[in-house]
Amino acid sequence: MFITLNFVFTYQQVIPFLRGNAWEQPPPDLASYLYKNRIVYLGMSLVPSVTELMMAEFLYLQYEDADKPIYLYINSTGTTKANVPSSRLIKISITFNSTQGGEKLGYETEAFAIYDVMSYVKPPIFTLCVGNAWGEAALLLAAGSKGNRAALPSSTIMIKQPIARFQGQATDVELARKEIKNVKAELVALYSKHIGKSPEQIEEDIRRPKYFSPSEAVEYGIIDKVLYNERGREDRSVVSDLKKAQLI
């Protein structure tokens, strides 16, 4: 009797690379690098899988060290998928007249769940907008530790009211209408708490999507500062000197 044994070996190929005069192993994967530096990256719309991952990351980083800050980098359109227009004028037209920011992908409760965990964990959370922070993503940006909420110079920030989708029987529509009113009230209360505006002012401002440049977001209270690197500061200084000399 013959017995055939089949072995399956699973391995990960690691290719060394030459740096200087020595062969070295490649750097770790990006996810490990972000974990090592306590960075939570929100780089897409808020859907359940993203919410679950972010909540797990916050809790893990708190378990690892309850005193060191956690850095939340945000480039997200919130619970909607942004329209891709051919010009900003078309973008504004589509946004205002259709779904206030694009196709709806998730529910506002995704942002509320992340917000609650951010409030629950002990480490301070430093937030940084690195692209877009729209809708519920702007709430997470504003919910960072005071004095440590920032945006890069080319970022766009936008606040808006929840998007409703009503269908079904009349009673179902009525229940959904009441729920969206409750969600809006909660969103307004949280915006007011972290931005420092009255609920009445917030409610008036989000009647239509309200966009901010980083400097406008500082003035409004969503963030505390705009981050520039030293090269950017030098470039602005040169431009200022050229303008004073009337050369540009």
Protein backbone atom coordinates (compact mmCIF):
# COMPACT_ATOMS: atom_id res chain seq x y z
CA MET A 1 0.00 0.00 0.00
CA PHE A 2 1.35 3.36 -0.98
CA ILE A 3 0.53 6.52 0.94
CA THR A 4 1.03 9.84 -0.75
CA LEU A 5 1.58 12.83 1.50
CA ASN A 6 0.96 16.24 0.04
CA PHE A 7 2.53 19.15 1.86
CA VAL A 8 1.49 22.72 1.23
CA PHE A 9 3.97 25.35 2.29
CA THR A 10 2.85 28.94 2.71
CA TYR A 11 5.58 31.50 2.76
CA GLN A 12 6.04 35.18 2.15
CA GLN A 13 8.83 36.13 -0.16
CA VAL A 14 11.01 38.91 1.23
CA ILE A 15 13.32 40.58 -1.25
CA PRO A 16 16.31 42.36 0.26
CA PHE A 17 17.55 45.58 -1.28
CA LEU A 18 20.88 47.33 -1.42
CA ARG A 19 21.31 50.54 0.56
CA GLY A 20 24.78 51.99 0.46
CA ASN A 21 27.16 49.05 0.71
CA ALA A 22 24.92 46.74 2.72
CA TRP A 23 21.97 44.51 1.92
CA GLU A 24 18.96 45.25 4.08
CA GLN A 25 15.46 43.92 4.54
CA PRO A 26 12.67 46.05 3.02
CA PRO A 27 10.72 48.41 5.27
CA PRO A 28 7.59 47.10 7.03
CA ASP A 29 4.19 47.28 5.39
CA LEU A 30 2.38 50.60 5.62
CA ALA A 31 -0.25 49.36 8.08
CA SER A 32 2.46 48.34 10.54
CA TYR A 33 4.21 51.68 10.09
CA LEU A 34 0.99 53.56 10.88
CA TYR A 35 0.39 51.44 13.98
CA LYS A 36 3.94 51.99 15.15
CA ASN A 37 3.46 55.76 14.92
CA ARG A 38 -0.06 55.66 16.45
CA ILE A 39 -1.73 56.94 13.29
CA VAL A 40 -5.35 56.11 12.47
CA TYR A 41 -6.04 56.93 8.82
CA LEU A 42 -9.56 57.60 7.54
CA GLY A 43 -9.12 57.60 3.77
CA MET A 44 -12.56 56.74 2.39
CA SER A 45 -16.26 57.15 3.06
CA LEU A 46 -17.72 56.07 6.39
CA VAL A 47 -19.13 52.59 5.86
CA PRO A 48 -19.51 49.82 8.50
CA SER A 49 -16.22 48.07 7.69
CA VAL A 50 -14.30 51.34 8.08
CA THR A 51 -16.08 52.12 11.35
CA GLU A 52 -15.25 48.71 12.81
CA LEU A 53 -11.58 49.01 11.86
CA MET A 54 -11.20 52.53 13.26
CA MET A 55 -12.88 51.64 16.54
CA ALA A 56 -10.60 48.62 16.92
CA GLU A 57 -7.54 50.77 16.20
CA PHE A 58 -8.47 53.38 18.80
CA LEU A 59 -9.08 50.73 21.45
CA TYR A 60 -5.87 48.87 20.63
CA LEU A 61 -3.74 52.02 20.74
CA GLN A 62 -5.26 52.93 24.10
CA TYR A 63 -4.43 49.46 25.41
CA GLU A 64 -0.86 49.82 24.13
CA ASP A 65 -0.31 53.22 25.79
CA ALA A 66 -3.04 55.27 27.47
CA ASP A 67 -0.95 58.45 27.65
CA LYS A 68 0.60 58.93 24.21
CA PRO A 69 -1.49 60.87 21.67
CA ILE A 70 -3.31 59.16 18.81
CA TYR A 71 -3.11 60.88 15.43
CA LEU A 72 -6.24 60.78 13.26
CA TYR A 73 -5.56 61.68 9.61
CA ILE A 74 -8.73 62.42 7.64
CA ASN A 75 -9.37 62.39 3.90
CA SER A 76 -13.03 61.47 3.66
CA THR A 77 -16.32 62.65 2.19
CA GLY A 78 -18.22 61.36 5.21
CA THR A 79 -21.14 59.06 4.52
CA THR A 80 -21.44 60.15 0.88
CA LYS A 81 -19.50 59.50 -2.29
CA ALA A 82 -18.43 62.76 -3.87
CA ASN A 83 -19.63 63.65 -7.34
CA VAL A 84 -16.81 64.06 -9.84
CA PRO A 85 -17.76 67.15 -11.88
CA SER A 86 -15.90 68.82 -14.70
CA SER A 87 -15.73 72.11 -12.82
CA ARG A 88 -16.38 73.49 -9.34
CA LEU A 89 -19.41 75.39 -10.64
CA ILE A 90 -21.02 72.15 -11.78
CA LYS A 91 -20.02 70.54 -8.50
CA ILE A 92 -21.82 73.19 -6.48
CA SER A 93 -24.87 72.94 -8.71
CA ILE A 94 -25.08 69.18 -8.37
CA THR A 95 -24.42 69.28 -4.65
CA PHE A 96 -27.12 71.80 -3.91
CA ASN A 97 -29.81 70.44 -6.18
CA SER A 98 -29.47 66.72 -5.66
CA THR A 99 -27.95 64.91 -2.69
CA GLN A 100 -25.90 67.62 -1.01
CA GLY A 101 -22.55 65.99 -1.70
CA GLY A 102 -23.07 62.85 -3.76
CA GLU A 103 -24.35 59.30 -3.49
CA LYS A 104 -25.15 58.21 0.06
CA LEU A 105 -23.05 55.20 1.12
CA GLY A 106 -23.53 54.99 4.89
CA TYR A 107 -25.47 56.28 7.85
CA GLU A 108 -24.60 59.10 10.22
CA THR A 109 -24.55 56.57 13.05
CA GLU A 110 -21.20 55.34 11.69
CA ALA A 111 -19.68 58.71 12.58
CA PHE A 112 -21.46 58.75 15.95
CA ALA A 113 -19.95 55.36 16.82
CA ILE A 114 -16.43 56.56 15.99
CA TYR A 115 -17.06 59.81 17.85
CA ASP A 116 -18.16 57.94 20.98
CA VAL A 117 -15.01 55.80 20.95
CA MET A 118 -12.86 58.91 20.44
CA SER A 119 -14.52 60.39 23.52
CA TYR A 120 -14.16 57.15 25.47
CA VAL A 121 -10.46 56.40 25.00
CA LYS A 122 -7.98 58.08 27.35
CA PRO A 123 -5.21 59.22 24.96
CA PRO A 124 -5.59 62.71 23.47
CA ILE A 125 -6.51 62.57 19.79
CA PHE A 126 -4.79 64.95 17.39
CA THR A 127 -6.77 65.37 14.16
CA LEU A 128 -5.42 66.43 10.77
CA CYS A 129 -7.30 66.95 7.51
CA VAL A 130 -5.06 65.88 4.63
CA GLY A 131 -7.52 66.28 1.76
CA ASN A 132 -11.26 66.48 2.34
CA ALA A 133 -13.24 66.42 5.55
CA TRP A 134 -16.88 66.63 4.50
CA GLY A 135 -20.03 66.17 6.52
CA GLU A 136 -19.57 63.66 9.31
CA ALA A 137 -15.81 63.55 8.66
CA ALA A 138 -15.72 67.26 9.56
CA LEU A 139 -17.33 66.37 12.88
CA LEU A 140 -14.54 63.88 13.62
CA LEU A 141 -11.99 66.54 12.66
CA ALA A 142 -13.56 69.06 15.04
CA ALA A 143 -13.81 66.46 17.82
CA GLY A 144 -10.03 66.25 18.24
CA SER A 145 -8.20 67.63 21.26
CA LYS A 146 -8.50 71.42 21.44
CA GLY A 147 -5.35 73.09 20.18
CA ASN A 148 -4.43 70.02 18.14
CA ARG A 149 -6.99 70.11 15.32
CA ALA A 150 -5.31 71.01 12.06
CA ALA A 151 -5.48 70.89 8.27
CA LEU A 152 -2.97 71.02 5.46
CA PRO A 153 -3.06 74.13 3.24
CA SER A 154 -4.91 72.58 0.26
CA SER A 155 -7.59 70.82 2.30
CA THR A 156 -11.33 71.36 1.93
CA ILE A 157 -13.73 71.15 4.86
CA MET A 158 -17.52 71.08 4.61
CA ILE A 159 -20.39 70.80 7.07
CA LYS A 160 -23.91 69.80 6.07
CA GLN A 161 -27.12 68.35 7.40
CA PRO A 162 -27.96 64.62 7.12
CA ILE A 163 -29.25 63.21 3.85
CA ALA A 164 -32.61 61.43 4.00
CA ARG A 165 -33.86 58.57 1.84
CA PHE A 166 -37.58 57.92 2.32
CA GLN A 167 -39.44 55.01 0.73
CA GLY A 168 -42.11 52.48 1.65
CA GLN A 169 -45.49 52.88 3.29
CA ALA A 170 -46.66 56.16 4.77
CA THR A 171 -46.03 54.97 8.33
CA ASP A 172 -42.49 53.90 7.40
CA VAL A 173 -41.81 57.28 5.84
CA GLU A 174 -43.10 59.05 8.95
CA LEU A 175 -40.85 56.96 11.21
CA ALA A 176 -37.86 57.65 8.99
CA ARG A 177 -38.65 61.36 8.98
CA LYS A 178 -38.67 61.43 12.79
CA GLU A 179 -35.39 59.52 12.93
CA ILE A 180 -33.63 61.88 10.52
CA LYS A 181 -34.79 64.82 12.64
CA ASN A 182 -33.25 63.17 15.71
CA VAL A 183 -30.01 62.53 13.82
CA LYS A 184 -29.91 66.13 12.66
CA ALA A 185 -30.47 67.40 16.21
CA GLU A 186 -27.62 65.21 17.49
CA LEU A 187 -25.32 66.36 14.69
CA VAL A 188 -26.12 70.02 15.38
CA ALA A 189 -25.48 69.55 19.11
CA LEU A 190 -22.07 67.95 18.48
CA TYR A 191 -21.06 70.58 15.93
CA SER A 192 -22.07 73.27 18.42
CA LYS A 193 -20.10 71.63 21.24
CA HIS A 194 -16.82 71.35 19.35
CA ILE A 195 -17.01 74.39 17.08
CA GLY A 196 -18.25 76.84 19.68
CA LYS A 197 -21.21 78.21 17.73
CA SER A 198 -24.79 78.26 18.95
CA PRO A 199 -27.08 75.44 17.76
CA GLU A 200 -29.20 78.05 15.98
CA GLN A 201 -26.17 79.32 14.08
CA ILE A 202 -25.08 75.80 13.16
CA GLU A 203 -28.57 74.86 11.99
CA GLU A 204 -28.73 77.95 9.81
CA ASP A 205 -25.27 77.30 8.32
CA ILE A 206 -25.97 73.68 7.37
CA ARG A 207 -29.21 74.41 5.54
CA ARG A 208 -26.98 74.04 2.49
CA PRO A 209 -23.49 72.49 2.40
CA LYS A 210 -21.03 75.06 3.74
CA TYR A 211 -17.46 74.82 2.46
CA PHE A 212 -14.36 76.16 4.19
CA SER A 213 -10.76 76.69 3.25
CA PRO A 214 -8.37 75.78 6.08
CA SER A 215 -8.02 79.42 7.18
CA GLU A 216 -11.80 79.86 7.10
CA ALA A 217 -12.18 76.66 9.16
CA VAL A 218 -9.82 78.13 11.78
CA GLU A 219 -11.90 81.30 11.94
CA TYR A 220 -15.13 79.29 12.19
CA GLY A 221 -13.78 77.05 14.95
CA ILE A 222 -13.61 73.65 13.24
CA ILE A 223 -9.82 73.49 13.51
CA ASP A 224 -7.17 75.36 15.46
CA LYS A 225 -4.38 75.80 12.92
CA VAL A 226 -3.14 75.25 9.40
CA LEU A 227 0.06 73.23 9.12
CA TYR A 228 2.84 74.41 6.82
CA ASN A 229 6.28 72.90 6.44
CA GLU A 230 9.38 75.07 6.58
CA ARG A 231 9.73 75.10 2.81
CA GLY A 232 6.20 76.44 2.50
CA ARG A 233 7.00 79.22 4.97
CA GLU A 234 10.11 80.14 3.00
CA ASP A 235 8.17 80.17 -0.27
CA ARG A 236 5.52 82.50 1.20
CA SER A 237 8.25 84.77 2.56
CA VAL A 238 9.86 85.03 -0.87
CA VAL A 239 6.51 85.81 -2.51
CA SER A 240 5.83 88.49 0.12
CA ASP A 241 9.24 90.10 -0.53
CA LEU A 242 8.68 90.07 -4.28
CA LYS A 243 5.28 91.72 -3.87
CA LYS A 244 6.77 94.42 -1.66
CA ALA A 245 9.40 95.07 -4.33
CA GLN A 246 6.58 95.23 -6.92
CA LEU A 247 8.26 92.49 -8.94
CA ILE A 248 5.11 90.37 -9.10
